[in-house]
Amino acid sequence: MINQAANERFEKGRGAQYNPKNRFLKGAYVQEHAEGIDDWEQEKRHTEYIIDDSKTLVNKVTSPDVGMMYSANPYQGCEHGCIYCYARNTHEYWGYSAGVDFESRIVVKKNAPALLRKFFENKNWEPATLSLSGNTDCYQPIERKMKLTRALLEICLEYRNPVGIITKNALVLRDTDLLQELAKMNLVHVITSVTSLDEDLRLVMEPRTASYRSRLRVLETLSKAGVPTGIMNAPLIPGINDMHMHDVLKAASEAGAKWAGYTIVRLNGAVGDIFKDWLYKAFPDRADKVWHQISECHGSKVNDSRFGNRMVGEGQFATLIKDQFKLFCRKFHLNETERTLNTGAFTRMKNRQLSLF
């Protein structure tokens, strides 16, 4: 449980507790040590939505460590505020900080549906699984109003292009009708990220996400609806949530999940400083030990960029995690079948028009 004395220093509802300097900017007006500044204006940060007229939507993923080839993100930045999120660094490319800015200044790609339709109509596109939420959660709170993710699913269904989803938000259940139609043609799977079953931990580590109970309900509801589901028990943070793996995988299996995956936390770029600040405020009694164990998993650093190692780590502790994961997956009958989606049903507008004659 979060240290109660430290709890008073937390801005409730936010993961990051400050805005570190953007590495691409020469100067910045930031608050790094509020306790040393008596007259700093302390205003509650409200979420700001920035409409962007984007030029592209689909990105090719070249990392061999990630089980996807193409991703699409209708939103940049994520209001969920997960403290460990590797995507925080991408917010610096937009001129913002990877800290509080990442979770309070959300870029909305309002023309995302039009961009996806244009992409699918390109004659050079060879159908492949498109991953939604490869960077930030496509079902974060603003999706309830904007419905961009739903529009993207409608287009995937129209073109019969396979799509994978990973989310921490129960809002995905709103689109069960579309997911069922995609599932009938083996065009979709939905992965729910569940890091623990401890709600006290979730509130400080992933402050604006759906409850763990709601995420398990997503698995159960979609599974019963015929939509293939799985779980990402990620990231595992030594001394914080790694000991919860057994219970998480058990609960996910009982809810209907067929597949599971995991990663060990890696703190790349600005995420390292943001996470460390959070760690020593939330868990001062074990912060040194946790930081050391994370370093042990990445060759004495908190971030390892080497393909093959960066997601699962190395060393004694990482090996123990790997062995436990395999054991629990066998015990709970996870990963017994392959996750292969249908790429042979894809059709473009021109082909659909010709079929009418």
Protein backbone atom coordinates (compact mmCIF):
# COMPACT_ATOMS: atom_id res chain seq x y z
CA MET A 1 0.00 0.00 0.00
CA ILE A 2 1.14 3.54 -0.72
CA ASN A 3 2.95 5.25 2.13
CA GLN A 4 0.36 7.41 3.91
CA ALA A 5 2.75 10.25 4.71
CA ALA A 6 3.71 10.43 1.05
CA ASN A 7 0.07 10.36 -0.01
CA GLU A 8 -0.36 14.01 0.97
CA ARG A 9 2.27 15.02 -1.59
CA PHE A 10 0.45 13.37 -4.44
CA GLU A 11 -1.77 15.15 -6.90
CA LYS A 12 -4.71 12.79 -6.90
CA GLY A 13 -5.76 11.50 -10.27
CA ARG A 14 -2.32 11.97 -11.81
CA GLY A 15 0.51 9.50 -12.18
CA ALA A 16 3.42 11.86 -12.86
CA GLN A 17 3.85 14.44 -10.13
CA TYR A 18 5.76 17.04 -12.13
CA ASN A 19 6.80 18.10 -15.63
CA PRO A 20 10.45 17.38 -16.47
CA LYS A 21 12.14 19.48 -19.13
CA ASN A 22 11.50 18.55 -22.74
CA ARG A 23 14.85 17.35 -24.13
CA PHE A 24 14.14 19.05 -27.48
CA LEU A 25 13.55 22.49 -26.00
CA LYS A 26 16.35 24.87 -25.01
CA GLY A 27 14.41 26.34 -22.11
CA ALA A 28 11.39 25.40 -20.06
CA TYR A 29 9.30 26.67 -17.13
CA VAL A 30 9.02 23.59 -14.94
CA GLN A 31 8.29 22.66 -11.34
CA GLU A 32 10.72 20.01 -10.13
CA HIS A 33 10.97 20.61 -6.38
CA ALA A 34 7.72 22.15 -5.20
CA GLU A 35 8.62 21.74 -1.54
CA GLY A 36 11.40 24.30 -1.95
CA ILE A 37 9.23 26.95 -3.57
CA ASP A 38 6.91 28.79 -1.20
CA ASP A 39 5.08 30.97 -3.68
CA TRP A 40 4.63 28.58 -6.61
CA GLU A 41 1.08 28.77 -7.91
CA GLN A 42 -0.54 25.41 -7.22
CA GLU A 43 -3.50 25.10 -9.55
CA LYS A 44 -5.29 21.87 -10.30
CA ARG A 45 -4.41 20.78 -13.82
CA HIS A 46 -7.45 20.18 -16.01
CA THR A 47 -7.21 17.96 -19.06
CA GLU A 48 -6.82 19.87 -22.31
CA TYR A 49 -7.74 18.38 -25.69
CA ILE A 50 -5.81 19.59 -28.71
CA ILE A 51 -7.35 18.93 -32.13
CA ASP A 52 -4.71 18.01 -34.70
CA ASP A 53 -5.08 17.81 -38.47
CA SER A 54 -2.73 14.87 -38.86
CA LYS A 55 -1.15 13.83 -42.14
CA THR A 56 -0.68 10.15 -41.32
CA LEU A 57 -2.14 7.61 -38.92
CA VAL A 58 -0.68 4.16 -39.54
CA ASN A 59 2.89 3.48 -38.42
CA LYS A 60 5.04 0.53 -39.39
CA VAL A 61 6.52 -1.16 -36.31
CA THR A 62 10.03 -2.44 -36.92
CA SER A 63 10.83 -3.75 -33.43
CA PRO A 64 11.15 -7.57 -33.36
CA ASP A 65 10.14 -7.50 -29.67
CA VAL A 66 6.61 -6.29 -30.37
CA GLY A 67 3.96 -8.64 -31.70
CA MET A 68 2.62 -6.20 -34.28
CA MET A 69 3.63 -4.87 -37.69
CA TYR A 70 1.43 -1.79 -37.94
CA SER A 71 -0.16 0.46 -35.33
CA ALA A 72 -2.63 3.32 -35.35
CA ASN A 73 -3.19 5.77 -32.51
CA PRO A 74 -6.12 8.20 -32.76
CA TYR A 75 -4.85 9.97 -29.62
CA GLN A 76 -1.41 11.10 -28.50
CA GLY A 77 -0.86 11.44 -24.80
CA CYS A 78 -3.03 9.39 -22.47
CA GLU A 79 -5.26 10.55 -19.65
CA HIS A 80 -4.95 7.18 -17.90
CA GLY A 81 -1.70 8.50 -16.40
CA CYS A 82 0.13 5.19 -15.95
CA ILE A 83 3.38 6.16 -14.28
CA TYR A 84 5.56 3.62 -16.13
CA CYS A 85 4.26 4.27 -19.67
CA TYR A 86 7.04 4.11 -22.27
CA ALA A 87 4.94 6.27 -24.61
CA ARG A 88 5.48 9.32 -22.40
CA ASN A 89 8.64 10.12 -24.33
CA THR A 90 6.72 10.54 -27.60
CA HIS A 91 4.94 13.58 -26.15
CA GLU A 92 8.20 15.49 -26.32
CA TYR A 93 7.98 15.38 -30.13
CA TRP A 94 4.79 17.43 -29.83
CA GLY A 95 6.59 20.08 -27.76
CA TYR A 96 5.21 18.93 -24.40
CA SER A 97 6.66 17.31 -21.32
CA ALA A 98 6.61 13.56 -20.75
CA GLY A 99 5.33 14.20 -17.22
CA VAL A 100 1.99 15.75 -16.29
CA ASP A 101 1.64 17.13 -19.84
CA PHE A 102 1.47 13.60 -21.24
CA GLU A 103 -1.66 12.81 -19.24
CA SER A 104 -3.30 16.24 -19.29
CA ARG A 105 -2.65 17.54 -22.82
CA ILE A 106 -4.21 15.04 -25.19
CA VAL A 107 -3.75 15.39 -28.93
CA VAL A 108 -6.87 14.27 -30.81
CA LYS A 109 -6.44 13.15 -34.42
CA LYS A 110 -9.95 14.07 -35.47
CA ASN A 111 -9.38 13.03 -39.09
CA ALA A 112 -8.13 9.54 -38.12
CA PRO A 113 -11.03 7.69 -39.83
CA ALA A 114 -10.45 9.50 -43.13
CA LEU A 115 -6.72 8.77 -42.90
CA LEU A 116 -7.34 5.05 -42.31
CA ARG A 117 -9.74 4.80 -45.23
CA LYS A 118 -7.20 6.51 -47.49
CA PHE A 119 -4.52 4.14 -46.22
CA PHE A 120 -6.56 1.01 -46.98
CA GLU A 121 -7.36 2.30 -50.47
CA ASN A 122 -3.63 2.54 -51.29
CA LYS A 123 -2.92 -0.21 -53.81
CA ASN A 124 0.42 -0.91 -52.13
CA TRP A 125 -1.23 -1.93 -48.86
CA GLU A 126 -0.94 -5.66 -48.29
CA PRO A 127 -3.43 -6.64 -45.56
CA ALA A 128 -1.89 -7.17 -42.14
CA THR A 129 -3.09 -6.86 -38.58
CA LEU A 130 -3.50 -3.26 -37.49
CA SER A 131 -2.90 -2.70 -33.78
CA LEU A 132 -4.95 -0.06 -31.99
CA SER A 133 -3.20 1.31 -28.90
CA GLY A 134 0.31 0.52 -30.00
CA ASN A 135 1.31 3.72 -28.23
CA THR A 136 -1.52 5.23 -26.17
CA ASP A 137 -4.87 3.77 -25.16
CA CYS A 138 -7.48 4.11 -27.90
CA TYR A 139 -10.25 3.82 -25.26
CA GLN A 140 -9.05 6.55 -22.91
CA PRO A 141 -11.83 8.84 -21.54
CA ILE A 142 -12.06 11.23 -24.51
CA GLU A 143 -13.05 8.32 -26.75
CA ARG A 144 -16.47 8.30 -25.12
CA LYS A 145 -17.15 11.66 -26.78
CA MET A 146 -15.05 11.51 -29.96
CA LYS A 147 -15.78 7.88 -30.96
CA LEU A 148 -12.71 7.79 -33.20
CA THR A 149 -11.81 4.23 -32.21
CA ARG A 150 -15.31 3.04 -33.01
CA ALA A 151 -15.05 4.69 -36.43
CA LEU A 152 -11.72 2.95 -37.05
CA LEU A 153 -13.28 -0.40 -36.17
CA GLU A 154 -16.15 0.28 -38.56
CA ILE A 155 -13.62 0.90 -41.35
CA CYS A 156 -11.67 -2.26 -40.48
CA LEU A 157 -14.93 -4.19 -40.71
CA GLU A 158 -15.84 -2.53 -44.00
CA TYR A 159 -12.47 -3.41 -45.55
CA ARG A 160 -12.23 -6.77 -43.76
CA ASN A 161 -8.82 -5.85 -42.38
CA PRO A 162 -7.73 -7.66 -39.17
CA VAL A 163 -7.33 -5.53 -36.06
CA GLY A 164 -5.87 -6.08 -32.61
CA ILE A 165 -6.77 -4.01 -29.55
CA ILE A 166 -5.03 -3.57 -26.22
CA THR A 167 -6.68 -1.44 -23.56
CA LYS A 168 -7.12 -0.75 -19.86
CA ASN A 169 -10.57 0.75 -20.28
CA ALA A 170 -13.96 -0.98 -20.03
CA LEU A 171 -15.28 1.43 -22.67
CA VAL A 172 -14.28 -1.22 -25.20
CA LEU A 173 -17.52 -3.03 -24.29
CA ARG A 174 -19.45 -0.22 -26.01
CA ASP A 175 -18.21 -1.64 -29.31
CA THR A 176 -19.12 -5.26 -28.66
CA ASP A 177 -21.43 -5.26 -31.69
CA LEU A 178 -18.58 -4.38 -34.06
CA LEU A 179 -16.16 -6.74 -32.34
CA GLN A 180 -18.62 -9.61 -32.72
CA GLU A 181 -18.96 -8.98 -36.46
CA LEU A 182 -15.18 -8.84 -36.85
CA ALA A 183 -14.78 -12.01 -34.79
CA LYS A 184 -17.15 -13.94 -37.07
CA MET A 185 -14.51 -13.56 -39.81
CA ASN A 186 -11.53 -14.03 -37.47
CA LEU A 187 -10.56 -10.40 -37.86
CA VAL A 188 -10.07 -9.30 -34.24
CA HIS A 189 -8.65 -10.08 -30.83
CA VAL A 190 -8.84 -7.91 -27.72
CA ILE A 191 -6.07 -7.84 -25.13
CA THR A 192 -6.76 -6.33 -21.72
CA SER A 193 -3.83 -5.04 -19.67
CA VAL A 194 -4.06 -6.11 -16.01
CA THR A 195 -1.06 -5.25 -13.84
CA SER A 196 -2.43 -6.39 -10.46
CA LEU A 197 -5.65 -7.05 -8.55
CA ASP A 198 -4.77 -4.53 -5.81
CA GLU A 199 -7.03 -1.48 -6.23
CA ASP A 200 -4.97 0.66 -3.85
CA LEU A 201 -1.96 0.10 -6.07
CA ARG A 202 -3.93 0.83 -9.24
CA LEU A 203 -5.12 4.18 -7.93
CA VAL A 204 -1.58 5.45 -7.49
CA MET A 205 0.11 3.60 -10.38
CA GLU A 206 -2.62 3.87 -13.05
CA PRO A 207 -4.90 6.56 -11.60
CA ARG A 208 -7.47 7.06 -14.38
CA THR A 209 -7.82 3.54 -15.69
CA ALA A 210 -10.78 1.21 -15.24
CA SER A 211 -10.79 -0.86 -12.06
CA TYR A 212 -9.26 -4.32 -12.23
CA ARG A 213 -12.70 -5.80 -11.65
CA SER A 214 -13.98 -3.91 -14.70
CA ARG A 215 -11.08 -5.19 -16.81
CA LEU A 216 -11.84 -8.77 -15.85
CA ARG A 217 -15.46 -8.09 -16.76
CA VAL A 218 -14.23 -7.01 -20.21
CA LEU A 219 -12.58 -10.40 -20.65
CA GLU A 220 -15.65 -12.26 -19.46
CA THR A 221 -18.17 -10.26 -21.49
CA LEU A 222 -16.24 -10.35 -24.75
CA SER A 223 -15.36 -14.03 -24.37
CA LYS A 224 -19.03 -14.90 -23.92
CA ALA A 225 -19.80 -12.77 -26.98
CA GLY A 226 -17.40 -14.83 -29.08
CA VAL A 227 -14.61 -12.27 -29.24
CA PRO A 228 -11.13 -13.79 -28.70
CA THR A 229 -9.48 -12.26 -25.63
CA GLY A 230 -6.15 -12.25 -23.85
CA ILE A 231 -4.26 -10.47 -21.11
CA MET A 232 -1.05 -8.50 -20.78
CA ASN A 233 0.32 -8.74 -17.25
CA ALA A 234 2.57 -5.81 -17.91
CA PRO A 235 4.71 -4.24 -16.90
CA LEU A 236 5.93 -6.30 -13.98
CA ILE A 237 7.76 -4.08 -11.50
CA PRO A 238 10.02 -5.92 -9.04
CA GLY A 239 8.84 -5.41 -5.48
CA ILE A 240 5.64 -3.66 -6.60
CA ASN A 241 3.44 -6.07 -8.56
CA ASP A 242 5.55 -9.05 -9.68
CA MET A 243 4.25 -11.10 -6.75
CA HIS A 244 0.69 -10.70 -8.07
CA MET A 245 1.31 -12.62 -11.31
CA HIS A 246 -0.25 -15.92 -10.16
CA ASP A 247 -3.52 -14.33 -9.06
CA VAL A 248 -3.77 -12.10 -12.14
CA LEU A 249 -3.29 -14.96 -14.61
CA LYS A 250 -5.67 -17.18 -12.66
CA ALA A 251 -8.40 -14.52 -12.63
CA ALA A 252 -7.88 -13.76 -16.33
CA SER A 253 -8.15 -17.43 -17.29
CA GLU A 254 -11.32 -17.85 -15.25
CA ALA A 255 -12.75 -14.77 -17.02
CA GLY A 256 -12.16 -16.33 -20.43
CA ALA A 257 -8.73 -15.16 -21.56
CA LYS A 258 -6.99 -17.54 -23.96
CA TRP A 259 -3.60 -15.86 -24.20
CA ALA A 260 -1.22 -14.03 -21.91
CA GLY A 261 1.94 -12.00 -22.16
CA TYR A 262 4.20 -9.99 -19.87
CA THR A 263 7.03 -7.48 -19.87
CA ILE A 264 9.41 -6.28 -17.19
CA VAL A 265 9.31 -2.54 -16.69
CA ARG A 266 11.97 -0.54 -18.49
CA LEU A 267 12.37 3.15 -17.83
CA ASN A 268 13.51 4.72 -21.07
CA GLY A 269 14.23 8.42 -21.57
CA ALA A 270 12.36 10.85 -19.34
CA VAL A 271 10.28 7.99 -17.89
CA GLY A 272 13.21 7.07 -15.65
CA ASP A 273 13.19 10.37 -13.74
CA ILE A 274 9.39 10.55 -13.65
CA PHE A 275 9.09 7.01 -12.31
CA LYS A 276 11.87 7.49 -9.75
CA ASP A 277 10.21 10.61 -8.38
CA TRP A 278 6.93 8.69 -8.07
CA LEU A 279 8.59 5.63 -6.54
CA TYR A 280 10.35 7.49 -3.72
CA LYS A 281 7.18 9.41 -2.89
CA ALA A 282 4.81 6.44 -3.01
CA PHE A 283 7.02 3.72 -1.56
CA PRO A 284 9.91 5.32 0.33
CA ASP A 285 10.27 2.22 2.54
CA ARG A 286 11.25 0.01 -0.40
CA ALA A 287 12.19 2.45 -3.17
CA ASP A 288 15.93 1.68 -3.02
CA LYS A 289 15.32 -2.05 -3.28
CA VAL A 290 12.83 -1.72 -6.14
CA TRP A 291 15.14 0.60 -8.09
CA HIS A 292 18.04 -1.81 -7.61
CA GLN A 293 16.00 -4.81 -8.75
CA ILE A 294 14.84 -3.00 -11.89
CA SER A 295 18.49 -2.22 -12.62
CA GLU A 296 19.44 -5.87 -12.10
CA CYS A 297 17.01 -6.84 -14.85
CA HIS A 298 18.62 -4.49 -17.38
CA GLY A 299 22.35 -4.92 -16.96
CA SER A 300 22.76 -2.42 -14.08
CA LYS A 301 20.61 0.17 -15.86
CA VAL A 302 16.89 0.89 -15.63
CA ASN A 303 16.56 0.80 -19.40
CA ASP A 304 18.00 -1.63 -21.92
CA SER A 305 17.38 -0.85 -25.58
CA ARG A 306 18.74 -4.12 -26.95
CA PHE A 307 16.24 -6.13 -28.97
CA GLY A 308 15.52 -9.47 -27.36
CA ASN A 309 16.35 -8.22 -23.85
CA ARG A 310 14.60 -4.91 -23.38
CA MET A 311 11.08 -6.30 -22.84
CA VAL A 312 11.82 -9.33 -20.65
CA GLY A 313 15.14 -8.37 -19.06
CA GLU A 314 18.03 -10.61 -18.13
CA GLY A 315 19.70 -11.95 -15.03
CA GLN A 316 18.53 -14.06 -12.10
CA PHE A 317 15.39 -12.14 -11.24
CA ALA A 318 14.25 -11.85 -14.87
CA THR A 319 14.79 -15.59 -15.33
CA LEU A 320 12.69 -16.31 -12.26
CA ILE A 321 9.87 -14.16 -13.66
CA LYS A 322 10.09 -15.94 -17.01
CA ASP A 323 9.95 -19.39 -15.44
CA GLN A 324 7.01 -18.45 -13.21
CA PHE A 325 5.11 -17.03 -16.15
CA LYS A 326 5.52 -20.23 -18.15
CA LEU A 327 4.49 -22.33 -15.16
CA PHE A 328 1.36 -20.31 -14.45
CA CYS A 329 0.34 -20.23 -18.12
CA ARG A 330 0.50 -24.02 -18.25
CA LYS A 331 -1.43 -24.27 -14.99
CA PHE A 332 -4.20 -21.97 -16.20
CA HIS A 333 -4.27 -23.21 -19.83
CA LEU A 334 -3.13 -19.96 -21.41
CA ASN A 335 -1.29 -19.70 -24.75
CA GLU A 336 -2.34 -23.18 -25.82
CA THR A 337 -3.38 -21.96 -29.28
CA GLU A 338 -1.92 -19.49 -31.77
CA ARG A 339 -3.31 -15.98 -32.27
CA THR A 340 -3.51 -15.81 -36.07
CA LEU A 341 -5.99 -13.44 -37.68
CA ASN A 342 -7.45 -13.62 -41.17
CA THR A 343 -5.71 -11.48 -43.80
CA GLY A 344 -7.37 -13.13 -46.78
CA ALA A 345 -10.75 -11.39 -46.58
CA PHE A 346 -9.49 -7.86 -47.25
CA THR A 347 -11.38 -5.93 -49.92
CA ARG A 348 -11.14 -2.40 -51.31
CA MET A 349 -13.96 -0.13 -52.44
CA LYS A 350 -13.17 -0.75 -56.11
CA ASN A 351 -13.42 -4.51 -55.64
CA ARG A 352 -16.74 -4.17 -53.80
CA GLN A 353 -18.14 -2.02 -56.61
CA LEU A 354 -17.05 -4.52 -59.28
CA SER A 355 -18.73 -7.35 -57.39
CA LEU A 356 -22.10 -5.63 -57.98
CA PHE A 357 -21.89 -6.26 -61.72
